[in-house]
Amino acid sequence: MLPGKPGATVGAWQMTEFDGVREELEALRRERDDLRMQVVMARETLREERDNHRALIDALPLFVFRKDRDGRHIDVSEALCRRLGLSKAEVEGRLDSELSPGALAEKYRRDDLRVMRTGQPISDIEEHNPVDGEPTYVQMQKMPLRNGRGEIIGVQGFLIDVTALKRAQLDLQRRTAELEQALASLKEHQDQLLVAERMASLGRLTAGIAHEMNTPLAAVRSALTEIEALIQEYADSIGDADVGPSDHQAIAKDMSKSAQLAQAAAARAATFVRGIKGHTRDMQARPACDFDAVEAVREALLLVQYMARQSGASLQFSCAHTTVILRGDPGRLAQVVTNLVTNAADACRMQDGGEIDVQLIQAQVGAWQLCVHDTGAGMAKDVQEHIFEPMFTTKPPGQGTGLGLSIVRDIVKADFGGEVQVQSELGKGTTFVVTLPGKKEATDAS
């Protein structure tokens, strides 16, 4: 203290303290004002974010909802309100049972309870109320609604209208079923056409069948007549002293010769019958099997050789192997051969004769080619472009079905996994090349 002024030091000190407190208060006021401003700004930002969030939700084609644990709607999007035909005030606070049909509301509640019980989201496609008599569909997504402490306080989620997608899916299923049925019907009709063409080609071969069967049967009858005469001669010689052992041996030799002729003719007839059976039996497709293509081709050519002769054409078959193993249906291969050679015979008839050369050659390891070449009339380029089309034919009405080459192509592709090509020049002939997958093994001709 100053001398003579006992309160002077105390007063100055009090003034200094007061100024300090006032400054602190002023700083606190400024800090308070700053905090108030931050709160206002935060509230404004939060409001803007909420508005943006709400605008985004309302703009999206989603039906967004939040429900409390009792199932009452506490927040819904404008899109959902429009879907329900109600205002937000009319939706919020209400239960699903007040907004939707009974069965659907019950499902909603079961799903809500499941989400709240398990804490796991669920997804499903639901059928909703019909519009214009047609059902509508939504993709539903539900998940738990939690508070700041992580406690489940309800359910939230959204719905997406997938009616167009679902209807397209149902229409696709319906169309698929129709196409499968149409495919089965087409397959059935294809088999029927295959049978019809096979029988038609067999009908065209009727004259040849009769001729080829009459020839060996006539030989058998002639041999049997000769044997019958020899038997009578032998019977008459019994007890005749003039007939010696050499005579009996001569009779026996003649009988044996006649029997061999009959057997050879019968074998030829049997082979021909097998060719007919291979062409007509089991009209429906059979399971694939290994078979000898050389034998199948030879038997098929028996059916058409008379037709070839009638057209003035010579028919030849060659193969460097005695056995060629293919996998498929031998009857199908026989029909391919019959149809191609029949066409070749018709082409040669237009030229007053010609040559038909059938070859079975190995194109490469595991692949074989059946080549049918004729020196007949040939085809123009524009005709070649259409020959494999069903019902296309250049023959007069009643002389062709237009199915032969189409069926050949279908058989080669479907039954053997091969391909068929044609090379032709008008007035010079035609060559069909059928490539067939096969097995490596083959027996060389000796």
Protein backbone atom coordinates (compact mmCIF):
# COMPACT_ATOMS: atom_id res chain seq x y z
CA MET A 1 0.00 0.00 0.00
CA LEU A 2 1.00 3.59 -0.56
CA PRO A 3 1.69 5.65 2.55
CA GLY A 4 -1.27 7.83 3.66
CA LYS A 5 -3.60 6.04 1.17
CA PRO A 6 -4.61 2.74 2.68
CA GLY A 7 -7.31 1.80 0.06
CA ALA A 8 -5.57 2.86 -3.10
CA THR A 9 -3.81 -0.45 -3.84
CA VAL A 10 -6.89 -2.51 -3.12
CA GLY A 11 -9.09 -0.44 -5.42
CA ALA A 12 -6.68 -0.69 -8.32
CA TRP A 13 -6.42 -4.41 -7.87
CA GLN A 14 -10.22 -4.77 -7.82
CA MET A 15 -10.51 -2.79 -11.02
CA THR A 16 -7.97 -5.02 -12.70
CA GLU A 17 -9.84 -8.13 -11.63
CA PHE A 18 -13.12 -6.70 -12.86
CA ASP A 19 -11.67 -5.93 -16.27
CA GLY A 20 -10.39 -9.49 -16.53
CA VAL A 21 -13.75 -11.00 -15.65
CA ARG A 22 -15.45 -8.69 -18.11
CA GLU A 23 -13.10 -9.80 -20.88
CA GLU A 24 -13.74 -13.43 -20.04
CA LEU A 25 -17.46 -12.83 -20.13
CA GLU A 26 -17.13 -11.07 -23.45
CA ALA A 27 -15.13 -14.04 -24.81
CA LEU A 28 -17.78 -16.43 -23.53
CA ARG A 29 -20.49 -14.35 -25.16
CA ARG A 30 -18.61 -14.48 -28.46
CA GLU A 31 -18.08 -18.25 -28.08
CA ARG A 32 -21.79 -18.64 -27.26
CA ASP A 33 -22.75 -16.63 -30.30
CA ASP A 34 -20.39 -18.72 -32.44
CA LEU A 35 -21.92 -21.91 -31.06
CA ARG A 36 -25.40 -20.58 -31.68
CA MET A 37 -24.41 -19.75 -35.23
CA GLN A 38 -22.91 -23.23 -35.69
CA VAL A 39 -26.09 -24.78 -34.32
CA VAL A 40 -28.18 -22.70 -36.69
CA MET A 41 -25.95 -23.62 -39.57
CA ALA A 42 -25.96 -27.28 -38.57
CA ARG A 43 -29.73 -27.23 -38.31
CA GLU A 44 -29.97 -25.57 -41.69
CA THR A 45 -27.55 -28.10 -43.20
CA LEU A 46 -29.47 -30.96 -41.60
CA ARG A 47 -32.74 -29.53 -42.88
CA GLU A 48 -31.28 -29.19 -46.37
CA GLU A 49 -29.92 -32.74 -46.22
CA ARG A 50 -33.30 -33.99 -45.05
CA ASP A 51 -35.04 -32.06 -47.80
CA ASN A 52 -32.58 -33.38 -50.37
CA HIS A 53 -32.95 -36.88 -48.99
CA ARG A 54 -36.73 -36.57 -49.08
CA ALA A 55 -36.64 -35.10 -52.60
CA LEU A 56 -34.38 -37.94 -53.73
CA ILE A 57 -36.66 -40.56 -52.19
CA ASP A 58 -39.76 -38.95 -53.68
CA ALA A 59 -38.08 -38.64 -57.09
CA LEU A 60 -36.95 -42.27 -57.24
CA PRO A 61 -39.36 -44.91 -58.58
CA LEU A 62 -39.27 -46.55 -55.17
CA PHE A 63 -42.00 -47.08 -52.61
CA VAL A 64 -40.08 -46.26 -49.41
CA PHE A 65 -41.51 -46.84 -45.94
CA ARG A 66 -40.59 -46.88 -42.25
CA LYS A 67 -42.73 -48.56 -39.58
CA ASP A 68 -42.51 -48.73 -35.78
CA ARG A 69 -42.50 -51.97 -33.82
CA ASP A 70 -46.32 -52.02 -33.84
CA GLY A 71 -46.35 -51.88 -37.62
CA ARG A 72 -47.59 -48.30 -37.94
CA HIS A 73 -46.19 -46.25 -40.79
CA ILE A 74 -44.05 -43.41 -39.48
CA ASP A 75 -42.67 -42.29 -42.83
CA VAL A 76 -43.62 -43.04 -46.45
CA SER A 77 -42.51 -41.74 -49.82
CA GLU A 78 -44.73 -39.78 -52.17
CA ALA A 79 -44.50 -42.62 -54.70
CA LEU A 80 -45.97 -45.07 -52.20
CA CYS A 81 -48.75 -42.65 -51.37
CA ARG A 82 -49.57 -42.30 -55.06
CA ARG A 83 -49.53 -46.06 -55.40
CA LEU A 84 -52.03 -46.36 -52.56
CA GLY A 85 -54.06 -43.42 -53.83
CA LEU A 86 -53.78 -41.67 -50.45
CA SER A 87 -52.03 -38.64 -48.97
CA LYS A 88 -49.10 -38.88 -46.55
CA ALA A 89 -51.39 -37.81 -43.71
CA GLU A 90 -53.79 -40.63 -44.61
CA VAL A 91 -50.99 -43.25 -44.66
CA GLU A 92 -48.72 -42.29 -41.78
CA GLY A 93 -49.87 -43.64 -38.44
CA ARG A 94 -51.89 -46.46 -40.01
CA LEU A 95 -51.32 -50.23 -40.04
CA ASP A 96 -50.95 -52.41 -43.13
CA SER A 97 -54.24 -54.08 -42.26
CA GLU A 98 -55.91 -50.70 -42.79
CA LEU A 99 -54.27 -50.17 -46.17
CA SER A 100 -54.06 -53.57 -47.89
CA PRO A 101 -56.17 -56.73 -48.29
CA GLY A 102 -56.15 -59.21 -45.42
CA ALA A 103 -53.79 -61.90 -46.80
CA LEU A 104 -51.26 -59.37 -48.03
CA ALA A 105 -51.34 -57.39 -44.76
CA GLU A 106 -50.78 -60.62 -42.82
CA LYS A 107 -47.74 -61.40 -44.96
CA TYR A 108 -46.38 -57.88 -44.39
CA ARG A 109 -46.70 -58.33 -40.63
CA ARG A 110 -45.05 -61.75 -40.66
CA ASP A 111 -42.14 -60.32 -42.64
CA ASP A 112 -41.85 -57.33 -40.25
CA LEU A 113 -41.75 -59.57 -37.19
CA ARG A 114 -39.16 -61.80 -38.82
CA VAL A 115 -36.89 -58.83 -39.60
CA MET A 116 -37.21 -57.44 -36.07
CA ARG A 117 -36.68 -60.87 -34.52
CA THR A 118 -33.62 -61.87 -36.57
CA GLY A 119 -32.16 -58.48 -37.34
CA GLN A 120 -31.57 -59.72 -40.91
CA PRO A 121 -32.86 -58.13 -44.12
CA ILE A 122 -35.21 -60.07 -46.39
CA SER A 123 -36.10 -59.86 -50.07
CA ASP A 124 -39.05 -61.24 -52.02
CA ILE A 125 -41.28 -60.66 -55.05
CA GLU A 126 -44.86 -60.08 -54.02
CA GLU A 127 -48.09 -60.10 -55.99
CA HIS A 128 -50.08 -56.97 -55.20
CA ASN A 129 -53.52 -55.61 -55.89
CA PRO A 130 -54.63 -56.06 -59.52
CA VAL A 131 -54.73 -53.02 -61.80
CA ASP A 132 -57.27 -53.19 -64.64
CA GLY A 133 -57.85 -56.81 -63.73
CA GLU A 134 -54.18 -57.78 -64.12
CA PRO A 135 -51.99 -58.65 -61.09
CA THR A 136 -49.10 -56.35 -60.24
CA TYR A 137 -45.75 -57.35 -58.76
CA VAL A 138 -43.17 -55.61 -56.59
CA GLN A 139 -39.64 -56.46 -55.49
CA MET A 140 -39.64 -56.05 -51.70
CA GLN A 141 -36.58 -55.26 -49.55
CA LYS A 142 -36.94 -54.99 -45.76
CA MET A 143 -34.32 -54.33 -43.07
CA PRO A 144 -34.27 -53.39 -39.38
CA LEU A 145 -34.83 -49.76 -38.34
CA ARG A 146 -32.40 -48.91 -35.49
CA ASN A 147 -31.97 -45.95 -33.13
CA GLY A 148 -28.70 -44.26 -32.18
CA ARG A 149 -27.93 -47.01 -29.66
CA GLY A 150 -28.36 -49.72 -32.29
CA GLU A 151 -31.64 -50.97 -30.87
CA ILE A 152 -34.26 -52.21 -33.32
CA ILE A 153 -37.21 -49.85 -33.16
CA GLY A 154 -39.05 -50.93 -36.28
CA VAL A 155 -38.72 -51.87 -39.94
CA GLN A 156 -37.71 -49.91 -43.00
CA GLY A 157 -37.47 -50.80 -46.66
CA PHE A 158 -38.64 -50.14 -50.16
CA LEU A 159 -40.65 -51.67 -52.97
CA ILE A 160 -39.82 -51.61 -56.69
CA ASP A 161 -42.53 -52.12 -59.27
CA VAL A 162 -41.40 -55.10 -61.36
CA THR A 163 -44.78 -55.80 -62.97
CA ALA A 164 -43.44 -55.33 -66.51
CA LEU A 165 -40.44 -57.54 -65.77
CA LYS A 166 -42.56 -60.22 -64.09
CA ARG A 167 -45.12 -60.20 -66.89
CA ALA A 168 -42.29 -60.48 -69.40
CA GLN A 169 -40.89 -63.40 -67.42
CA LEU A 170 -44.28 -65.10 -67.29
CA ASP A 171 -44.77 -64.43 -70.99
CA LEU A 172 -41.32 -65.86 -71.66
CA GLN A 173 -42.20 -68.99 -69.70
CA ARG A 174 -45.45 -69.28 -71.63
CA ARG A 175 -43.69 -68.74 -74.94
CA THR A 176 -41.01 -71.25 -73.97
CA ALA A 177 -43.67 -73.84 -73.21
CA GLU A 178 -45.38 -73.07 -76.52
CA LEU A 179 -42.08 -73.34 -78.40
CA GLU A 180 -41.25 -76.62 -76.70
CA GLN A 181 -44.66 -77.93 -77.70
CA ALA A 182 -44.19 -76.60 -81.23
CA LEU A 183 -40.74 -78.21 -81.37
CA ALA A 184 -42.18 -81.54 -80.28
CA SER A 185 -44.94 -81.17 -82.89
CA LEU A 186 -42.36 -80.21 -85.53
CA LYS A 187 -40.27 -83.24 -84.62
CA GLU A 188 -43.33 -85.44 -84.94
CA HIS A 189 -44.23 -83.92 -88.30
CA GLN A 190 -40.63 -84.23 -89.42
CA ASP A 191 -40.69 -87.94 -88.60
CA GLN A 192 -43.96 -88.25 -90.47
CA LEU A 193 -42.46 -86.47 -93.49
CA LEU A 194 -39.47 -88.76 -93.26
CA VAL A 195 -41.77 -91.77 -93.35
CA ALA A 196 -43.81 -90.28 -96.20
CA GLU A 197 -40.72 -89.57 -98.29
CA ARG A 198 -39.30 -93.00 -97.57
CA MET A 199 -42.54 -94.67 -98.63
CA ALA A 200 -42.76 -92.38 -101.67
CA SER A 201 -39.27 -93.34 -102.77
CA LEU A 202 -40.13 -96.97 -102.14
CA GLY A 203 -43.19 -96.52 -104.33
CA ARG A 204 -41.00 -95.17 -107.13
CA LEU A 205 -38.87 -98.30 -106.79
CA THR A 206 -41.82 -100.71 -106.99
CA ALA A 207 -41.08 -101.79 -110.57
CA GLY A 208 -37.47 -102.45 -109.70
CA ILE A 209 -38.46 -104.40 -106.61
CA ALA A 210 -40.74 -106.64 -108.65
CA HIS A 211 -38.06 -107.21 -111.28
CA GLU A 212 -35.26 -107.84 -108.80
CA MET A 213 -37.40 -110.29 -106.83
CA ASN A 214 -38.72 -112.10 -109.93
CA THR A 215 -35.23 -112.84 -111.26
CA PRO A 216 -33.91 -114.83 -108.26
CA LEU A 217 -37.32 -116.41 -107.64
CA ALA A 218 -37.43 -117.60 -111.26
CA ALA A 219 -33.96 -119.08 -110.81
CA VAL A 220 -35.07 -120.84 -107.62
CA ARG A 221 -38.15 -122.25 -109.36
CA SER A 222 -36.07 -123.42 -112.33
CA ALA A 223 -33.56 -125.10 -110.03
CA LEU A 224 -36.32 -126.79 -108.02
CA THR A 225 -37.93 -128.05 -111.24
CA GLU A 226 -34.57 -129.50 -112.34
CA ILE A 227 -34.07 -131.09 -108.91
CA GLU A 228 -37.58 -132.57 -109.05
CA ALA A 229 -36.80 -134.12 -112.46
CA LEU A 230 -33.52 -135.52 -111.18
CA ILE A 231 -35.28 -136.99 -108.13
CA GLN A 232 -37.77 -138.72 -110.43
CA GLU A 233 -34.93 -139.97 -112.62
CA TYR A 234 -33.15 -141.31 -109.56
CA ALA A 235 -36.32 -142.99 -108.33
CA ASP A 236 -36.83 -144.65 -111.73
CA SER A 237 -33.27 -145.97 -111.71
CA ILE A 238 -33.74 -147.89 -108.48
CA GLY A 239 -33.48 -151.60 -109.30
CA ASP A 240 -32.36 -151.00 -112.89
CA ALA A 241 -29.36 -153.23 -113.54
CA ASP A 242 -28.14 -150.95 -116.33
CA VAL A 243 -27.71 -148.02 -113.91
CA GLY A 244 -24.32 -148.16 -112.30
CA PRO A 245 -22.50 -146.16 -109.62
CA SER A 246 -21.24 -143.61 -112.16
CA ASP A 247 -24.83 -142.87 -113.18
CA HIS A 248 -25.83 -142.30 -109.56
CA GLN A 249 -22.85 -139.98 -109.12
CA ALA A 250 -23.86 -138.00 -112.23
CA ILE A 251 -27.42 -137.61 -110.96
CA ALA A 252 -26.13 -136.53 -107.56
CA LYS A 253 -23.78 -134.02 -109.20
CA ASP A 254 -26.60 -132.50 -111.23
CA MET A 255 -28.81 -132.30 -108.14
CA SER A 256 -26.03 -130.61 -106.18
CA LYS A 257 -25.48 -128.10 -108.98
CA SER A 258 -29.19 -127.25 -109.12
CA ALA A 259 -29.31 -126.91 -105.31
CA GLN A 260 -26.34 -124.50 -105.37
CA LEU A 261 -28.05 -122.41 -108.04
CA ALA A 262 -31.21 -122.30 -105.93
CA GLN A 263 -29.22 -121.32 -102.82
CA ALA A 264 -27.40 -118.53 -104.67
CA ALA A 265 -30.67 -117.15 -106.06
CA ALA A 266 -32.34 -117.40 -102.64
CA ALA A 267 -29.38 -115.61 -101.03
CA ARG A 268 -29.69 -112.82 -103.60
CA ALA A 269 -33.41 -112.53 -102.88
CA ALA A 270 -32.73 -112.50 -99.13
CA THR A 271 -30.16 -109.72 -99.55
CA PHE A 272 -32.66 -107.73 -101.56
CA VAL A 273 -35.34 -108.25 -98.92
CA ARG A 274 -32.93 -107.02 -96.24
CA GLY A 275 -32.44 -103.87 -98.31
CA ILE A 276 -36.19 -103.33 -98.45
CA LYS A 277 -36.52 -103.93 -94.71
CA GLY A 278 -33.70 -101.51 -94.01
CA HIS A 279 -35.55 -98.91 -96.06
CA THR A 280 -38.96 -99.42 -94.47
CA ARG A 281 -38.65 -100.83 -90.97
CA ASP A 282 -38.29 -98.73 -87.84
CA MET A 283 -39.55 -95.57 -89.48
CA GLN A 284 -38.91 -93.67 -86.26
CA ALA A 285 -35.33 -92.81 -85.36
CA ARG A 286 -33.46 -95.59 -83.59
CA PRO A 287 -30.63 -95.23 -81.08
CA ALA A 288 -27.26 -94.77 -82.73
CA CYS A 289 -25.18 -97.90 -83.14
CA ASP A 290 -21.99 -99.00 -84.88
CA PHE A 291 -22.66 -100.49 -88.31
CA ASP A 292 -20.87 -101.38 -91.52
CA ALA A 293 -21.43 -98.59 -94.01
CA VAL A 294 -20.22 -100.71 -96.94
CA GLU A 295 -22.93 -103.30 -96.35
CA ALA A 296 -25.57 -100.61 -95.80
CA VAL A 297 -24.67 -98.88 -99.09
CA ARG A 298 -24.62 -102.15 -101.06
CA GLU A 299 -28.06 -103.15 -99.75
CA ALA A 300 -29.45 -99.70 -100.57
CA LEU A 301 -28.07 -99.87 -104.12
CA LEU A 302 -29.92 -103.15 -104.69
CA LEU A 303 -33.16 -101.19 -104.48
CA VAL A 304 -32.19 -98.61 -107.10
CA GLN A 305 -30.16 -100.59 -109.62
CA TYR A 306 -33.24 -101.46 -111.69
CA MET A 307 -34.32 -97.80 -111.72
CA ALA A 308 -30.82 -96.85 -112.84
CA ARG A 309 -30.97 -99.35 -115.70
CA GLN A 310 -34.42 -98.08 -116.70
CA SER A 311 -32.99 -94.55 -116.93
CA GLY A 312 -30.23 -95.81 -119.22
CA ALA A 313 -27.52 -95.30 -116.61
CA SER A 314 -24.86 -97.69 -115.44
CA LEU A 315 -24.52 -97.92 -111.66
CA GLN A 316 -21.18 -98.63 -110.00
CA PHE A 317 -20.04 -98.75 -106.38
CA SER A 318 -16.47 -98.74 -105.18
CA CYS A 319 -14.75 -98.68 -101.83
CA ALA A 320 -11.14 -99.45 -100.97
CA HIS A 321 -12.24 -101.12 -97.75
CA THR A 322 -14.41 -104.15 -97.20
CA THR A 323 -15.65 -102.73 -93.89
CA VAL A 324 -16.18 -99.11 -92.83
CA ILE A 325 -17.58 -98.59 -89.35
CA LEU A 326 -19.87 -95.61 -88.83
CA ARG A 327 -22.08 -94.70 -85.92
CA GLY A 328 -25.74 -93.91 -86.48
CA ASP A 329 -28.80 -95.57 -88.00
CA PRO A 330 -28.03 -97.75 -91.04
CA GLY A 331 -31.61 -97.27 -92.25
CA ARG A 332 -31.06 -93.51 -92.35
CA LEU A 333 -27.88 -93.93 -94.41
CA ALA A 334 -29.77 -96.25 -96.77
CA GLN A 335 -32.35 -93.52 -97.33
CA VAL A 336 -29.60 -91.00 -98.09
CA VAL A 337 -28.12 -93.35 -100.71
CA THR A 338 -31.54 -94.16 -102.20
CA ASN A 339 -32.57 -90.51 -102.52
CA LEU A 340 -29.26 -89.39 -104.05
CA VAL A 341 -29.08 -92.25 -106.56
CA THR A 342 -32.76 -91.79 -107.47
CA ASN A 343 -32.07 -88.13 -108.27
CA ALA A 344 -29.00 -89.14 -110.26
CA ALA A 345 -31.06 -91.66 -112.26
CA ASP A 346 -33.66 -88.98 -113.04
CA ALA A 347 -30.88 -86.63 -114.19
CA CYS A 348 -29.43 -89.34 -116.46
CA ARG A 349 -32.86 -90.09 -117.92
CA MET A 350 -33.04 -86.46 -119.05
CA GLN A 351 -29.80 -87.05 -120.97
CA ASP A 352 -30.95 -90.42 -122.40
CA GLY A 353 -28.51 -92.28 -120.18
CA GLY A 354 -25.23 -91.79 -118.41
CA GLU A 355 -23.15 -93.07 -115.55
CA ILE A 356 -23.76 -93.10 -111.81
CA ASP A 357 -20.67 -93.65 -109.70
CA VAL A 358 -21.01 -94.19 -105.94
CA GLN A 359 -17.84 -94.11 -103.85
CA LEU A 360 -17.10 -94.46 -100.15
CA ILE A 361 -13.67 -93.00 -99.47
CA GLN A 362 -11.70 -91.95 -96.42
CA ALA A 363 -11.40 -88.17 -96.45
CA GLN A 364 -9.22 -87.96 -93.35
CA VAL A 365 -8.62 -89.86 -90.15
CA GLY A 366 -12.00 -90.44 -88.55
CA ALA A 367 -14.02 -89.00 -91.46
CA TRP A 368 -15.51 -90.62 -94.56
CA GLN A 369 -17.10 -89.28 -97.70
CA LEU A 370 -19.98 -90.80 -99.61
CA CYS A 371 -19.76 -89.42 -103.15
CA VAL A 372 -22.58 -89.84 -105.67
CA HIS A 373 -21.55 -88.60 -109.12
CA ASP A 374 -23.67 -88.67 -112.27
CA THR A 375 -23.18 -87.51 -115.84
CA GLY A 376 -26.78 -86.36 -116.10
CA ALA A 377 -28.42 -83.05 -116.88
CA GLY A 378 -26.78 -81.06 -114.08
CA MET A 379 -28.20 -77.95 -112.39
CA ALA A 380 -27.98 -74.22 -112.89
CA LYS A 381 -26.54 -72.04 -110.11
CA ASP A 382 -29.90 -70.60 -109.10
CA VAL A 383 -31.34 -74.12 -108.73
CA GLN A 384 -28.40 -75.27 -106.59
CA GLU A 385 -29.13 -72.49 -104.11
CA HIS A 386 -32.57 -73.96 -103.32
CA ILE A 387 -32.26 -77.73 -103.68
CA PHE A 388 -32.05 -78.37 -99.93
CA GLU A 389 -35.16 -76.30 -99.19
CA PRO A 390 -38.27 -78.30 -98.21
CA MET A 391 -40.88 -78.64 -101.00
CA PHE A 392 -38.50 -77.30 -103.66
CA THR A 393 -38.48 -79.45 -106.79
CA THR A 394 -37.78 -79.01 -110.49
CA LYS A 395 -39.75 -82.14 -111.41
CA PRO A 396 -43.24 -82.02 -112.92
CA PRO A 397 -46.23 -82.33 -110.55
CA GLY A 398 -46.68 -85.88 -109.31
CA GLN A 399 -43.07 -86.86 -110.00
CA GLY A 400 -41.37 -85.33 -106.98
CA THR A 401 -42.24 -84.38 -103.41
CA GLY A 402 -39.54 -81.76 -102.96
CA LEU A 403 -38.56 -83.43 -99.70
CA GLY A 404 -35.82 -85.83 -100.81
CA LEU A 405 -32.77 -83.58 -100.62
CA SER A 406 -34.12 -81.66 -97.62
CA ILE A 407 -34.45 -84.95 -95.75
CA VAL A 408 -30.98 -86.02 -96.93
CA ARG A 409 -29.51 -82.87 -95.40
CA ASP A 410 -31.47 -83.30 -92.16
CA ILE A 411 -30.43 -86.96 -91.82
CA VAL A 412 -26.77 -86.22 -92.49
CA LYS A 413 -26.68 -83.39 -89.94
CA ALA A 414 -29.00 -84.69 -87.22
CA ASP A 415 -28.30 -88.44 -87.34
CA PHE A 416 -24.62 -88.46 -88.26
CA GLY A 417 -23.30 -85.00 -87.37
CA GLY A 418 -22.03 -84.61 -90.94
CA GLU A 419 -22.59 -82.27 -93.85
CA VAL A 420 -23.60 -82.52 -97.49
CA GLN A 421 -22.34 -80.43 -100.39
CA VAL A 422 -23.18 -80.33 -104.08
CA GLN A 423 -21.16 -79.52 -107.16
CA SER A 424 -23.00 -79.31 -110.48
CA GLU A 425 -22.69 -77.89 -113.96
CA LEU A 426 -25.61 -77.59 -116.28
CA GLY A 427 -25.43 -80.25 -118.99
CA LYS A 428 -22.38 -81.98 -117.48
CA GLY A 429 -23.55 -83.71 -114.33
CA THR A 430 -23.72 -83.44 -110.56
CA THR A 431 -21.71 -84.68 -107.59
CA PHE A 432 -23.06 -84.89 -104.06
CA VAL A 433 -20.42 -85.22 -101.33
CA VAL A 434 -21.66 -86.42 -97.94
CA THR A 435 -19.04 -86.14 -95.19
CA LEU A 436 -19.66 -88.48 -92.26
CA PRO A 437 -17.73 -88.75 -88.99
CA GLY A 438 -16.65 -92.34 -88.45
CA LYS A 439 -14.27 -94.52 -86.56
CA LYS A 440 -10.62 -94.98 -87.46
CA GLU A 441 -10.81 -98.69 -87.96
CA ALA A 442 -11.55 -100.03 -91.42
CA THR A 443 -10.78 -103.31 -93.14
CA ASP A 444 -8.91 -103.02 -96.41
CA ALA A 445 -10.31 -104.84 -99.42
CA SER A 446 -8.19 -107.83 -100.39
